[in-house]
Amino acid sequence: MLLFSIALTALIPQKISKNSDLDAINTWFSLNKLSLNISKAKFMVYSTNSLGKRFSDIALNIGSETIDRVKKFKYLGVAFDENLS
């Protein structure tokens, strides 16, 4: 048995239908005998102005599972926050 892990980071433009696109990614993973660990999945809305406030109630789902929203996170040692500061 061969086990491995892939870290996936995606930037999704606001015009894309996010939940259906995430379901399509999940379907692709399943068809290729891969799985997403949705319990570890997080998302953040980036904005340098008040535009980000329009997305304060956004929810992302893969299937019936909700992805947690975070205000900051660290990726490859670099800290990111919602204001890109």
Protein backbone atom coordinates (compact mmCIF):
# COMPACT_ATOMS: atom_id res chain seq x y z
CA MET A 1 0.00 0.00 0.00
CA LEU A 2 1.32 3.43 -0.94
CA LEU A 3 0.15 6.42 1.08
CA PHE A 4 0.96 10.04 0.44
CA SER A 5 -0.36 13.51 1.12
CA ILE A 6 -0.82 16.52 -1.14
CA ALA A 7 -1.22 20.05 0.17
CA LEU A 8 -3.63 21.89 -2.08
CA THR A 9 -3.91 25.67 -2.15
CA ALA A 10 -6.29 27.33 -4.57
CA LEU A 11 -7.16 30.91 -5.37
CA ILE A 12 -10.75 31.12 -6.56
CA PRO A 13 -11.94 34.32 -8.28
CA GLN A 14 -15.20 35.70 -6.90
CA LYS A 15 -17.04 35.20 -10.21
CA ILE A 16 -16.75 31.42 -10.10
CA SER A 17 -19.56 29.34 -8.64
CA LYS A 18 -17.45 28.22 -5.71
CA ASN A 19 -19.45 25.35 -4.21
CA SER A 20 -20.07 23.64 -7.55
CA ASP A 21 -16.39 24.05 -8.44
CA LEU A 22 -15.35 22.52 -5.13
CA ASP A 23 -17.72 19.62 -5.76
CA ALA A 24 -16.10 19.18 -9.20
CA ILE A 25 -12.64 19.08 -7.57
CA ASN A 26 -13.91 16.50 -5.08
CA THR A 27 -15.37 14.42 -7.93
CA TRP A 28 -12.04 14.56 -9.79
CA PHE A 29 -10.24 13.39 -6.65
CA SER A 30 -12.68 10.47 -6.28
CA LEU A 31 -12.38 9.45 -9.94
CA ASN A 32 -8.60 9.38 -9.55
CA LYS A 33 -8.80 7.32 -6.35
CA LEU A 34 -7.72 10.24 -4.16
CA SER A 35 -9.51 11.77 -1.21
CA LEU A 36 -9.73 15.20 0.36
CA ASN A 37 -9.44 15.53 4.12
CA ILE A 38 -12.25 18.05 4.40
CA SER A 39 -11.85 18.29 8.18
CA LYS A 40 -8.46 19.96 7.56
CA ALA A 41 -9.73 22.23 4.78
CA LYS A 42 -9.95 25.95 5.53
CA PHE A 43 -10.72 29.05 3.47
CA MET A 44 -10.08 32.76 3.75
CA VAL A 45 -11.42 35.76 1.82
CA TYR A 46 -8.64 38.17 0.84
CA SER A 47 -9.41 41.84 0.47
CA THR A 48 -7.51 45.09 0.84
CA ASN A 49 -10.65 47.25 1.11
CA SER A 50 -14.29 47.15 2.16
CA LEU A 51 -15.12 44.77 -0.70
CA GLY A 52 -14.33 41.89 1.64
CA LYS A 53 -17.24 42.86 3.89
CA ARG A 54 -19.64 41.81 1.10
CA PHE A 55 -18.44 38.25 1.65
CA SER A 56 -18.79 38.22 5.43
CA ASP A 57 -21.53 35.57 5.28
CA ILE A 58 -20.04 33.35 2.56
CA ALA A 59 -20.08 29.60 3.18
CA LEU A 60 -18.17 26.97 1.22
CA ASN A 61 -19.22 23.34 1.16
CA ILE A 62 -17.94 20.14 -0.36
CA GLY A 63 -20.91 17.84 -0.57
CA SER A 64 -22.70 18.22 2.74
CA GLU A 65 -19.59 19.23 4.71
CA THR A 66 -18.84 22.88 5.47
CA ILE A 67 -15.32 24.22 5.12
CA ASP A 68 -14.20 26.37 8.06
CA ARG A 69 -13.42 30.03 7.44
CA VAL A 70 -10.30 31.49 9.05
CA LYS A 71 -9.10 35.07 9.39
CA LYS A 72 -5.40 34.17 9.24
CA PHE A 73 -3.21 31.17 8.51
CA LYS A 74 0.39 30.21 7.90
CA TYR A 75 1.44 28.55 4.64
CA LEU A 76 5.01 27.44 4.04
CA GLY A 77 6.11 29.64 6.93
CA VAL A 78 4.42 32.79 5.59
CA ALA A 79 1.58 34.31 7.63
CA PHE A 80 -1.47 35.54 5.72
CA ASP A 81 -4.49 37.46 6.97
CA GLU A 82 -7.73 38.71 5.43
CA ASN A 83 -6.37 42.26 4.96
CA LEU A 84 -3.12 41.13 3.30
CA SER A 85 -1.18 43.07 5.92
